[in-house]
Amino acid sequence: MLTKFFQKQLMMRKVLYSLIPIFIYSIYLHGLKFLISTIFIFLFGSITEYFFTKIQNKKISEAVLVSCALYALSIPPYAPIWISSIGIIFGITFAKMVFGGFGRNIFNPAIAARLFVYISFPVAFNSYTLDTAVGATPLSIFRNGYTFSKIRLFLGNYLGTFGETSTLLIILAAIYLIYTKTANWKLMFSTLLSFSILNSIFYFTNIINIDPLSSIFAGSFLFVIVFMVTDPVTAPKQKLSIWLYGTLIGLSISLIRTFSLFPEGTSFAILLGNSFAPLFDEFSKKIKERKEAKA
């Protein structure tokens, strides 16, 4: 039935398979609220892409399901569903389809959707996510000079987005994606390494009070490097550019978290990396051509 409307993309299906445990855990933590929000996001995301592909007489890409899934997991539990729905419509339209659809977009649709709702509806999001009855996220707790249990950070049973909190499940997903050669481990490692080095420098010079391990576990960092940094469409393809790309994103996340008003910073860093990916590829190609010419 699905093949009637969707292109068969095995790589995208593997990403969806890796997200299943995270979705189950999110249902356990958030129940009906998460299910309803996810249904609306998948519905509006698929309809938006169908509107464009129908004109081109093409099927919807299964990649749109991955974008919807990642976006659904990155939304705070108390975000209004109507805002979440507008976000995925924006992300699929302006970060994907206006570039020509799957394989041609330079920006990650899920990240674009997430940033759009955070920037466009700050009052609505703040009123839902920063309510005193709800509490504070680990990153905001660390910023205020307090500590947070590493066990809770690892298991993910704390305030945050729907599905970005469980370090354990995200690591298991990363292992599966690397084992099945669905995701490039070099992209994950370069981002993790650069982030960890700069964050360690900030920590041991007393610029920040969150230790390196907690900074990795807290927030959406691991979720982003496993599922967003490794996006095969928006990430660079050359060997050198892969390391440059991951390094840029890792350093940007650390700098934004440390010196900006935003406690997270991952979404901005991904879009920055997306912008430089083509340039990194061109730079890497020229380096490679020069080496071959000398040889």
C-alpha atoms as a PDB file:
ATOM      1  CA  MET A   1       0.000   0.000   0.000  1.00  0.00           C
ATOM      2  CA  LEU A   2       2.778   2.421   0.964  1.00  0.00           C
ATOM      3  CA  THR A   3       4.689   1.740  -2.275  1.00  0.00           C
ATOM      4  CA  LYS A   4       1.772   3.244  -4.168  1.00  0.00           C
ATOM      5  CA  PHE A   5       2.576   6.680  -2.741  1.00  0.00           C
ATOM      6  CA  PHE A   6       6.189   6.415  -1.510  1.00  0.00           C
ATOM      7  CA  GLN A   7       9.500   5.762  -3.251  1.00  0.00           C
ATOM      8  CA  LYS A   8      11.320   2.753  -1.832  1.00  0.00           C
ATOM      9  CA  GLN A   9      14.458   4.024  -0.063  1.00  0.00           C
ATOM     10  CA  LEU A  10      16.134   1.297   2.000  1.00  0.00           C
ATOM     11  CA  MET A  11      18.578   3.676   3.677  1.00  0.00           C
ATOM     12  CA  MET A  12      15.729   5.829   4.953  1.00  0.00           C
ATOM     13  CA  ARG A  13      13.912   2.758   6.236  1.00  0.00           C
ATOM     14  CA  LYS A  14      16.957   1.767   8.264  1.00  0.00           C
ATOM     15  CA  VAL A  15      16.966   5.192   9.892  1.00  0.00           C
ATOM     16  CA  LEU A  16      13.293   4.711  10.760  1.00  0.00           C
ATOM     17  CA  TYR A  17      14.066   1.271  12.215  1.00  0.00           C
ATOM     18  CA  SER A  18      16.758   2.814  14.434  1.00  0.00           C
ATOM     19  CA  LEU A  19      14.218   5.321  15.748  1.00  0.00           C
ATOM     20  CA  ILE A  20      11.635   2.714  16.819  1.00  0.00           C
ATOM     21  CA  PRO A  21      13.029   2.177  20.373  1.00  0.00           C
ATOM     22  CA  ILE A  22      13.208   5.953  20.859  1.00  0.00           C
ATOM     23  CA  PHE A  23       9.590   6.310  19.745  1.00  0.00           C
ATOM     24  CA  ILE A  24       8.486   3.547  22.126  1.00  0.00           C
ATOM     25  CA  TYR A  25      10.300   5.215  25.011  1.00  0.00           C
ATOM     26  CA  SER A  26       8.764   8.577  24.099  1.00  0.00           C
ATOM     27  CA  ILE A  27       5.296   7.009  24.169  1.00  0.00           C
ATOM     28  CA  TYR A  28       6.113   5.574  27.598  1.00  0.00           C
ATOM     29  CA  LEU A  29       7.201   8.990  28.898  1.00  0.00           C
ATOM     30  CA  HIS A  30       4.644  11.261  27.209  1.00  0.00           C
ATOM     31  CA  GLY A  31       1.748   9.025  26.175  1.00  0.00           C
ATOM     32  CA  LEU A  32      -1.152  10.374  24.142  1.00  0.00           C
ATOM     33  CA  LYS A  33       0.315  13.862  23.768  1.00  0.00           C
ATOM     34  CA  PHE A  34       3.277  12.504  21.826  1.00  0.00           C
ATOM     35  CA  LEU A  35       1.128  10.211  19.680  1.00  0.00           C
ATOM     36  CA  ILE A  36      -1.252  12.983  18.650  1.00  0.00           C
ATOM     37  CA  SER A  37       1.583  15.412  17.912  1.00  0.00           C
ATOM     38  CA  THR A  38       3.396  12.770  15.836  1.00  0.00           C
ATOM     39  CA  ILE A  39       0.279  11.889  13.817  1.00  0.00           C
ATOM     40  CA  PHE A  40      -0.275  15.528  12.867  1.00  0.00           C
ATOM     41  CA  ILE A  41       3.379  16.041  11.960  1.00  0.00           C
ATOM     42  CA  PHE A  42       3.502  12.950   9.739  1.00  0.00           C
ATOM     43  CA  LEU A  43       0.189  13.880   8.149  1.00  0.00           C
ATOM     44  CA  PHE A  44       1.068  17.474   7.284  1.00  0.00           C
ATOM     45  CA  GLY A  45       4.634  16.636   6.309  1.00  0.00           C
ATOM     46  CA  SER A  46       3.529  13.921   3.860  1.00  0.00           C
ATOM     47  CA  ILE A  47       0.726  16.046   2.420  1.00  0.00           C
ATOM     48  CA  THR A  48       3.115  18.962   1.878  1.00  0.00           C
ATOM     49  CA  GLU A  49       5.574  16.841  -0.100  1.00  0.00           C
ATOM     50  CA  TYR A  50       2.727  15.143  -1.998  1.00  0.00           C
ATOM     51  CA  PHE A  51       1.501  18.558  -3.141  1.00  0.00           C
ATOM     52  CA  PHE A  52       4.839  19.186  -4.876  1.00  0.00           C
ATOM     53  CA  THR A  53       5.561  15.672  -6.141  1.00  0.00           C
ATOM     54  CA  LYS A  54       2.067  15.332  -7.606  1.00  0.00           C
ATOM     55  CA  ILE A  55       2.821  18.255  -9.929  1.00  0.00           C
ATOM     56  CA  GLN A  56       6.020  16.489 -11.035  1.00  0.00           C
ATOM     57  CA  ASN A  57       4.168  13.177 -11.403  1.00  0.00           C
ATOM     58  CA  LYS A  58       6.502  11.559  -8.852  1.00  0.00           C
ATOM     59  CA  LYS A  59       6.024   9.576  -5.648  1.00  0.00           C
ATOM     60  CA  ILE A  60       6.712  10.938  -2.178  1.00  0.00           C
ATOM     61  CA  SER A  61      10.198  10.093  -0.900  1.00  0.00           C
ATOM     62  CA  GLU A  62      10.458   7.932   2.206  1.00  0.00           C
ATOM     63  CA  ALA A  63      12.941  10.551   3.356  1.00  0.00           C
ATOM     64  CA  VAL A  64       9.987  12.749   4.301  1.00  0.00           C
ATOM     65  CA  LEU A  65       9.039  10.145   6.923  1.00  0.00           C
ATOM     66  CA  VAL A  66      12.526  10.432   8.412  1.00  0.00           C
ATOM     67  CA  SER A  67      12.244  14.235   8.477  1.00  0.00           C
ATOM     68  CA  CYS A  68       8.845  14.008  10.167  1.00  0.00           C
ATOM     69  CA  ALA A  69      10.114  11.454  12.690  1.00  0.00           C
ATOM     70  CA  LEU A  70      13.191  13.485  13.644  1.00  0.00           C
ATOM     71  CA  TYR A  71      11.190  16.690  13.887  1.00  0.00           C
ATOM     72  CA  ALA A  72       8.478  15.009  15.983  1.00  0.00           C
ATOM     73  CA  LEU A  73      11.102  13.767  18.447  1.00  0.00           C
ATOM     74  CA  SER A  74      12.747  17.215  18.659  1.00  0.00           C
ATOM     75  CA  ILE A  75       9.598  19.064  19.763  1.00  0.00           C
ATOM     76  CA  PRO A  76       9.015  19.892  23.461  1.00  0.00           C
ATOM     77  CA  PRO A  77       6.116  17.959  25.055  1.00  0.00           C
ATOM     78  CA  TYR A  78       4.118  21.102  25.769  1.00  0.00           C
ATOM     79  CA  ALA A  79       4.445  22.717  22.351  1.00  0.00           C
ATOM     80  CA  PRO A  80       1.051  23.491  20.746  1.00  0.00           C
ATOM     81  CA  ILE A  81       0.239  20.952  18.049  1.00  0.00           C
ATOM     82  CA  TRP A  82      -0.847  23.627  15.575  1.00  0.00           C
ATOM     83  CA  ILE A  83       2.577  25.267  15.813  1.00  0.00           C
ATOM     84  CA  SER A  84       4.340  21.912  15.379  1.00  0.00           C
ATOM     85  CA  SER A  85       2.223  21.278  12.272  1.00  0.00           C
ATOM     86  CA  ILE A  86       3.123  24.649  10.761  1.00  0.00           C
ATOM     87  CA  GLY A  87       6.773  23.905  11.431  1.00  0.00           C
ATOM     88  CA  ILE A  88       6.894  20.689   9.394  1.00  0.00           C
ATOM     89  CA  ILE A  89       5.019  22.356   6.526  1.00  0.00           C
ATOM     90  CA  PHE A  90       7.645  25.098   6.488  1.00  0.00           C
ATOM     91  CA  GLY A  91      10.555  22.664   6.757  1.00  0.00           C
ATOM     92  CA  ILE A  92       9.443  20.400   3.913  1.00  0.00           C
ATOM     93  CA  THR A  93       8.471  23.332   1.685  1.00  0.00           C
ATOM     94  CA  PHE A  94      11.327  25.788   2.123  1.00  0.00           C
ATOM     95  CA  ALA A  95      14.211  23.513   3.123  1.00  0.00           C
ATOM     96  CA  LYS A  96      13.492  20.730   0.649  1.00  0.00           C
ATOM     97  CA  MET A  97      10.903  21.085  -2.087  1.00  0.00           C
ATOM     98  CA  VAL A  98      11.818  24.580  -3.277  1.00  0.00           C
ATOM     99  CA  PHE A  99      15.282  23.182  -4.035  1.00  0.00           C
ATOM    100  CA  GLY A 100      13.793  20.462  -6.223  1.00  0.00           C
ATOM    101  CA  GLY A 101      12.975  17.762  -3.701  1.00  0.00           C
ATOM    102  CA  PHE A 102      14.936  14.827  -2.311  1.00  0.00           C
ATOM    103  CA  GLY A 103      18.654  14.865  -3.070  1.00  0.00           C
ATOM    104  CA  ARG A 104      18.773  18.532  -4.044  1.00  0.00           C
ATOM    105  CA  ASN A 105      18.164  20.311  -0.751  1.00  0.00           C
ATOM    106  CA  ILE A 106      21.132  21.857   1.019  1.00  0.00           C
ATOM    107  CA  PHE A 107      19.418  22.287   4.403  1.00  0.00           C
ATOM    108  CA  ASN A 108      18.082  19.599   6.709  1.00  0.00           C
ATOM    109  CA  PRO A 109      14.249  19.887   6.654  1.00  0.00           C
ATOM    110  CA  ALA A 110      13.751  18.709  10.249  1.00  0.00           C
ATOM    111  CA  ILE A 111      16.261  21.231  11.592  1.00  0.00           C
ATOM    112  CA  ALA A 112      14.788  24.025   9.476  1.00  0.00           C
ATOM    113  CA  ALA A 113      11.317  23.188  10.784  1.00  0.00           C
ATOM    114  CA  ARG A 114      12.514  23.156  14.369  1.00  0.00           C
ATOM    115  CA  LEU A 115      14.310  26.492  14.123  1.00  0.00           C
ATOM    116  CA  PHE A 116      11.348  28.075  12.358  1.00  0.00           C
ATOM    117  CA  VAL A 117       8.936  27.355  15.203  1.00  0.00           C
ATOM    118  CA  TYR A 118      11.426  28.336  17.905  1.00  0.00           C
ATOM    119  CA  ILE A 119      12.153  31.687  16.268  1.00  0.00           C
ATOM    120  CA  SER A 120       8.675  32.465  14.918  1.00  0.00           C
ATOM    121  CA  PHE A 121       6.688  31.507  18.025  1.00  0.00           C
ATOM    122  CA  PRO A 122       8.989  32.274  20.978  1.00  0.00           C
ATOM    123  CA  VAL A 123       6.200  33.440  23.296  1.00  0.00           C
ATOM    124  CA  ALA A 124       4.063  30.359  22.703  1.00  0.00           C
ATOM    125  CA  PHE A 125       7.008  28.007  23.068  1.00  0.00           C
ATOM    126  CA  ASN A 126       8.353  29.716  26.169  1.00  0.00           C
ATOM    127  CA  SER A 127       4.967  29.665  27.865  1.00  0.00           C
ATOM    128  CA  TYR A 128       4.743  25.926  27.345  1.00  0.00           C
ATOM    129  CA  THR A 129       8.332  24.828  27.867  1.00  0.00           C
ATOM    130  CA  LEU A 130       9.416  27.114  30.684  1.00  0.00           C
ATOM    131  CA  ASP A 131       6.358  26.863  32.897  1.00  0.00           C
ATOM    132  CA  THR A 132       7.298  26.567  36.575  1.00  0.00           C
ATOM    133  CA  ALA A 133       5.068  23.526  36.924  1.00  0.00           C
ATOM    134  CA  VAL A 134       7.142  21.749  34.321  1.00  0.00           C
ATOM    135  CA  GLY A 135      10.591  22.583  35.618  1.00  0.00           C
ATOM    136  CA  ALA A 136      13.903  23.293  33.921  1.00  0.00           C
ATOM    137  CA  THR A 137      15.966  21.353  31.418  1.00  0.00           C
ATOM    138  CA  PRO A 138      19.399  19.960  32.426  1.00  0.00           C
ATOM    139  CA  LEU A 139      21.248  22.529  30.302  1.00  0.00           C
ATOM    140  CA  SER A 140      19.459  25.406  32.023  1.00  0.00           C
ATOM    141  CA  ILE A 141      20.134  23.782  35.410  1.00  0.00           C
ATOM    142  CA  PHE A 142      23.858  23.595  34.651  1.00  0.00           C
ATOM    143  CA  ARG A 143      23.834  27.211  33.432  1.00  0.00           C
ATOM    144  CA  ASN A 144      22.440  28.290  36.795  1.00  0.00           C
ATOM    145  CA  GLY A 145      25.321  26.637  38.618  1.00  0.00           C
ATOM    146  CA  TYR A 146      23.641  23.420  39.741  1.00  0.00           C
ATOM    147  CA  THR A 147      24.443  19.791  38.933  1.00  0.00           C
ATOM    148  CA  PHE A 148      22.369  17.023  37.359  1.00  0.00           C
ATOM    149  CA  SER A 149      22.559  13.241  37.721  1.00  0.00           C
ATOM    150  CA  LYS A 150      24.524  11.523  34.942  1.00  0.00           C
ATOM    151  CA  ILE A 151      22.368   8.424  35.358  1.00  0.00           C
ATOM    152  CA  ARG A 152      19.250  10.436  34.577  1.00  0.00           C
ATOM    153  CA  LEU A 153      21.002  12.045  31.622  1.00  0.00           C
ATOM    154  CA  PHE A 154      22.004   8.615  30.331  1.00  0.00           C
ATOM    155  CA  LEU A 155      18.537   7.107  30.685  1.00  0.00           C
ATOM    156  CA  GLY A 156      16.697  10.239  29.547  1.00  0.00           C
ATOM    157  CA  ASN A 157      13.993  10.401  32.188  1.00  0.00           C
ATOM    158  CA  TYR A 158      13.939  14.193  32.543  1.00  0.00           C
ATOM    159  CA  LEU A 159      12.407  17.318  31.033  1.00  0.00           C
ATOM    160  CA  GLY A 160      13.370  17.902  27.436  1.00  0.00           C
ATOM    161  CA  THR A 161      12.023  17.261  23.975  1.00  0.00           C
ATOM    162  CA  PHE A 162       9.897  14.245  23.115  1.00  0.00           C
ATOM    163  CA  GLY A 163      12.727  11.957  22.047  1.00  0.00           C
ATOM    164  CA  GLU A 164      16.180  13.540  22.314  1.00  0.00           C
ATOM    165  CA  THR A 165      16.863  12.752  25.953  1.00  0.00           C
ATOM    166  CA  SER A 166      17.788   9.048  26.171  1.00  0.00           C
ATOM    167  CA  THR A 167      21.541   8.737  25.657  1.00  0.00           C
ATOM    168  CA  LEU A 168      21.320   4.952  25.891  1.00  0.00           C
ATOM    169  CA  LEU A 169      18.813   4.556  23.062  1.00  0.00           C
ATOM    170  CA  ILE A 170      20.585   7.094  20.856  1.00  0.00           C
ATOM    171  CA  ILE A 171      23.903   5.236  21.272  1.00  0.00           C
ATOM    172  CA  LEU A 172      22.191   1.954  20.358  1.00  0.00           C
ATOM    173  CA  ALA A 173      20.726   3.636  17.274  1.00  0.00           C
ATOM    174  CA  ALA A 174      24.183   4.940  16.332  1.00  0.00           C
ATOM    175  CA  ILE A 175      25.669   1.438  16.606  1.00  0.00           C
ATOM    176  CA  TYR A 176      22.939   0.046  14.348  1.00  0.00           C
ATOM    177  CA  LEU A 177      23.345   2.825  11.757  1.00  0.00           C
ATOM    178  CA  ILE A 178      27.122   2.441  11.644  1.00  0.00           C
ATOM    179  CA  TYR A 179      26.940  -1.375  11.508  1.00  0.00           C
ATOM    180  CA  THR A 180      24.486  -1.294   8.607  1.00  0.00           C
ATOM    181  CA  LYS A 181      26.592   1.409   6.892  1.00  0.00           C
ATOM    182  CA  THR A 182      23.615   3.735   6.909  1.00  0.00           C
ATOM    183  CA  ALA A 183      25.487   6.560   8.645  1.00  0.00           C
ATOM    184  CA  ASN A 184      29.091   7.712   8.344  1.00  0.00           C
ATOM    185  CA  TRP A 185      30.931   7.241  11.653  1.00  0.00           C
ATOM    186  CA  LYS A 186      33.507   9.875  10.652  1.00  0.00           C
ATOM    187  CA  LEU A 187      30.822  12.559  10.678  1.00  0.00           C
ATOM    188  CA  MET A 188      29.734  11.539  14.184  1.00  0.00           C
ATOM    189  CA  PHE A 189      33.282  11.209  15.502  1.00  0.00           C
ATOM    190  CA  SER A 190      34.610  14.496  14.092  1.00  0.00           C
ATOM    191  CA  THR A 191      31.671  16.389  15.593  1.00  0.00           C
ATOM    192  CA  LEU A 192      31.995  14.630  18.938  1.00  0.00           C
ATOM    193  CA  LEU A 193      35.770  15.102  19.080  1.00  0.00           C
ATOM    194  CA  SER A 194      35.807  18.823  18.256  1.00  0.00           C
ATOM    195  CA  PHE A 195      32.925  19.528  20.637  1.00  0.00           C
ATOM    196  CA  SER A 196      34.543  17.564  23.467  1.00  0.00           C
ATOM    197  CA  ILE A 197      37.948  19.256  23.066  1.00  0.00           C
ATOM    198  CA  LEU A 198      36.576  22.807  23.100  1.00  0.00           C
ATOM    199  CA  ASN A 199      34.099  22.073  25.888  1.00  0.00           C
ATOM    200  CA  SER A 200      36.886  20.516  27.988  1.00  0.00           C
ATOM    201  CA  ILE A 201      38.978  23.655  27.509  1.00  0.00           C
ATOM    202  CA  PHE A 202      36.043  25.810  28.629  1.00  0.00           C
ATOM    203  CA  TYR A 203      35.395  23.548  31.631  1.00  0.00           C
ATOM    204  CA  PHE A 204      38.960  23.317  32.913  1.00  0.00           C
ATOM    205  CA  THR A 205      39.459  27.073  32.523  1.00  0.00           C
ATOM    206  CA  ASN A 206      36.257  27.674  34.545  1.00  0.00           C
ATOM    207  CA  ILE A 207      34.390  29.345  31.710  1.00  0.00           C
ATOM    208  CA  ILE A 208      31.558  26.825  32.074  1.00  0.00           C
ATOM    209  CA  ASN A 209      30.515  24.609  34.977  1.00  0.00           C
ATOM    210  CA  ILE A 210      29.162  21.609  33.061  1.00  0.00           C
ATOM    211  CA  ASP A 211      31.700  18.781  32.858  1.00  0.00           C
ATOM    212  CA  PRO A 212      32.594  17.310  29.419  1.00  0.00           C
ATOM    213  CA  LEU A 213      30.648  14.054  29.841  1.00  0.00           C
ATOM    214  CA  SER A 214      27.483  15.787  31.040  1.00  0.00           C
ATOM    215  CA  SER A 215      27.722  18.268  28.180  1.00  0.00           C
ATOM    216  CA  ILE A 216      27.646  15.344  25.750  1.00  0.00           C
ATOM    217  CA  PHE A 217      24.733  13.591  27.457  1.00  0.00           C
ATOM    218  CA  ALA A 218      22.609  16.720  28.052  1.00  0.00           C
ATOM    219  CA  GLY A 219      20.290  18.276  25.509  1.00  0.00           C
ATOM    220  CA  SER A 220      20.040  17.248  21.884  1.00  0.00           C
ATOM    221  CA  PHE A 221      23.759  16.922  21.126  1.00  0.00           C
ATOM    222  CA  LEU A 222      23.960  13.145  20.643  1.00  0.00           C
ATOM    223  CA  PHE A 223      20.608  13.009  18.858  1.00  0.00           C
ATOM    224  CA  VAL A 224      21.795  15.637  16.411  1.00  0.00           C
ATOM    225  CA  ILE A 225      25.203  14.107  15.637  1.00  0.00           C
ATOM    226  CA  VAL A 226      23.694  10.650  15.097  1.00  0.00           C
ATOM    227  CA  PHE A 227      20.693  11.612  12.971  1.00  0.00           C
ATOM    228  CA  MET A 228      21.241  15.149  11.619  1.00  0.00           C
ATOM    229  CA  VAL A 229      24.977  15.510  11.041  1.00  0.00           C
ATOM    230  CA  THR A 230      24.968  12.213   9.138  1.00  0.00           C
ATOM    231  CA  ASP A 231      22.168  13.244   6.767  1.00  0.00           C
ATOM    232  CA  PRO A 232      23.461  11.840   3.430  1.00  0.00           C
ATOM    233  CA  VAL A 233      21.899  14.660   1.404  1.00  0.00           C
ATOM    234  CA  THR A 234      23.115  17.736   3.282  1.00  0.00           C
ATOM    235  CA  ALA A 235      26.481  16.404   4.505  1.00  0.00           C
ATOM    236  CA  PRO A 236      29.617  16.705   2.324  1.00  0.00           C
ATOM    237  CA  LYS A 237      30.936  13.697   0.391  1.00  0.00           C
ATOM    238  CA  GLN A 238      34.736  14.154   0.182  1.00  0.00           C
ATOM    239  CA  LYS A 239      37.028  12.622   2.841  1.00  0.00           C
ATOM    240  CA  LEU A 240      38.621  15.881   3.993  1.00  0.00           C
ATOM    241  CA  SER A 241      35.363  17.825   3.830  1.00  0.00           C
ATOM    242  CA  ILE A 242      33.692  15.280   6.132  1.00  0.00           C
ATOM    243  CA  TRP A 243      36.217  16.065   8.875  1.00  0.00           C
ATOM    244  CA  LEU A 244      35.974  19.817   8.270  1.00  0.00           C
ATOM    245  CA  TYR A 245      32.164  19.635   8.367  1.00  0.00           C
ATOM    246  CA  GLY A 246      32.003  17.694  11.632  1.00  0.00           C
ATOM    247  CA  THR A 247      34.637  19.928  13.225  1.00  0.00           C
ATOM    248  CA  LEU A 248      32.762  23.097  12.269  1.00  0.00           C
ATOM    249  CA  ILE A 249      29.502  21.791  13.722  1.00  0.00           C
ATOM    250  CA  GLY A 250      31.099  20.524  16.928  1.00  0.00           C
ATOM    251  CA  LEU A 251      32.934  23.781  17.600  1.00  0.00           C
ATOM    252  CA  SER A 252      29.849  25.849  16.728  1.00  0.00           C
ATOM    253  CA  ILE A 253      27.650  23.922  19.164  1.00  0.00           C
ATOM    254  CA  SER A 254      30.136  24.469  21.968  1.00  0.00           C
ATOM    255  CA  LEU A 255      30.530  28.182  21.219  1.00  0.00           C
ATOM    256  CA  ILE A 256      26.783  28.811  20.915  1.00  0.00           C
ATOM    257  CA  ARG A 257      26.031  26.924  24.120  1.00  0.00           C
ATOM    258  CA  THR A 258      28.711  28.829  25.987  1.00  0.00           C
ATOM    259  CA  PHE A 259      28.401  32.430  24.793  1.00  0.00           C
ATOM    260  CA  SER A 260      24.891  32.902  23.359  1.00  0.00           C
ATOM    261  CA  LEU A 261      21.495  33.275  24.987  1.00  0.00           C
ATOM    262  CA  PHE A 262      20.504  29.862  23.589  1.00  0.00           C
ATOM    263  CA  PRO A 263      21.379  27.008  25.975  1.00  0.00           C
ATOM    264  CA  GLU A 264      21.320  24.446  23.139  1.00  0.00           C
ATOM    265  CA  GLY A 265      22.815  25.643  19.845  1.00  0.00           C
ATOM    266  CA  THR A 266      22.688  22.395  17.871  1.00  0.00           C
ATOM    267  CA  SER A 267      20.124  23.519  15.287  1.00  0.00           C
ATOM    268  CA  PHE A 268      22.008  26.698  14.398  1.00  0.00           C
ATOM    269  CA  ALA A 269      25.244  24.730  14.122  1.00  0.00           C
ATOM    270  CA  ILE A 270      23.689  22.185  11.733  1.00  0.00           C
ATOM    271  CA  LEU A 271      22.372  24.887   9.396  1.00  0.00           C
ATOM    272  CA  LEU A 272      25.778  26.582   9.483  1.00  0.00           C
ATOM    273  CA  GLY A 273      27.400  23.282   8.565  1.00  0.00           C
ATOM    274  CA  ASN A 274      24.841  22.707   5.781  1.00  0.00           C
ATOM    275  CA  SER A 275      25.760  26.115   4.327  1.00  0.00           C
ATOM    276  CA  PHE A 276      29.473  25.292   4.223  1.00  0.00           C
ATOM    277  CA  ALA A 277      29.163  21.674   3.033  1.00  0.00           C
ATOM    278  CA  PRO A 278      29.329  22.476  -0.727  1.00  0.00           C
ATOM    279  CA  LEU A 279      32.303  24.793  -0.140  1.00  0.00           C
ATOM    280  CA  PHE A 280      34.106  22.117   1.865  1.00  0.00           C
ATOM    281  CA  ASP A 281      33.561  19.608  -0.945  1.00  0.00           C
ATOM    282  CA  GLU A 282      34.953  22.006  -3.542  1.00  0.00           C
ATOM    283  CA  PHE A 283      37.955  22.786  -1.342  1.00  0.00           C
ATOM    284  CA  SER A 284      38.610  19.076  -0.771  1.00  0.00           C
ATOM    285  CA  LYS A 285      38.372  18.323  -4.496  1.00  0.00           C
ATOM    286  CA  LYS A 286      40.969  20.990  -5.302  1.00  0.00           C
ATOM    287  CA  ILE A 287      43.328  19.646  -2.633  1.00  0.00           C
ATOM    288  CA  LYS A 288      42.905  16.141  -4.050  1.00  0.00           C
ATOM    289  CA  GLU A 289      43.483  17.301  -7.640  1.00  0.00           C
ATOM    290  CA  ARG A 290      46.674  19.137  -6.657  1.00  0.00           C
ATOM    291  CA  LYS A 291      48.038  16.035  -4.918  1.00  0.00           C
ATOM    292  CA  GLU A 292      47.226  13.890  -7.950  1.00  0.00           C
ATOM    293  CA  ALA A 293      48.857  16.424 -10.276  1.00  0.00           C
ATOM    294  CA  LYS A 294      52.069  16.430  -8.224  1.00  0.00           C
ATOM    295  CA  ALA A 295      52.097  12.632  -8.123  1.00  0.00           C
END
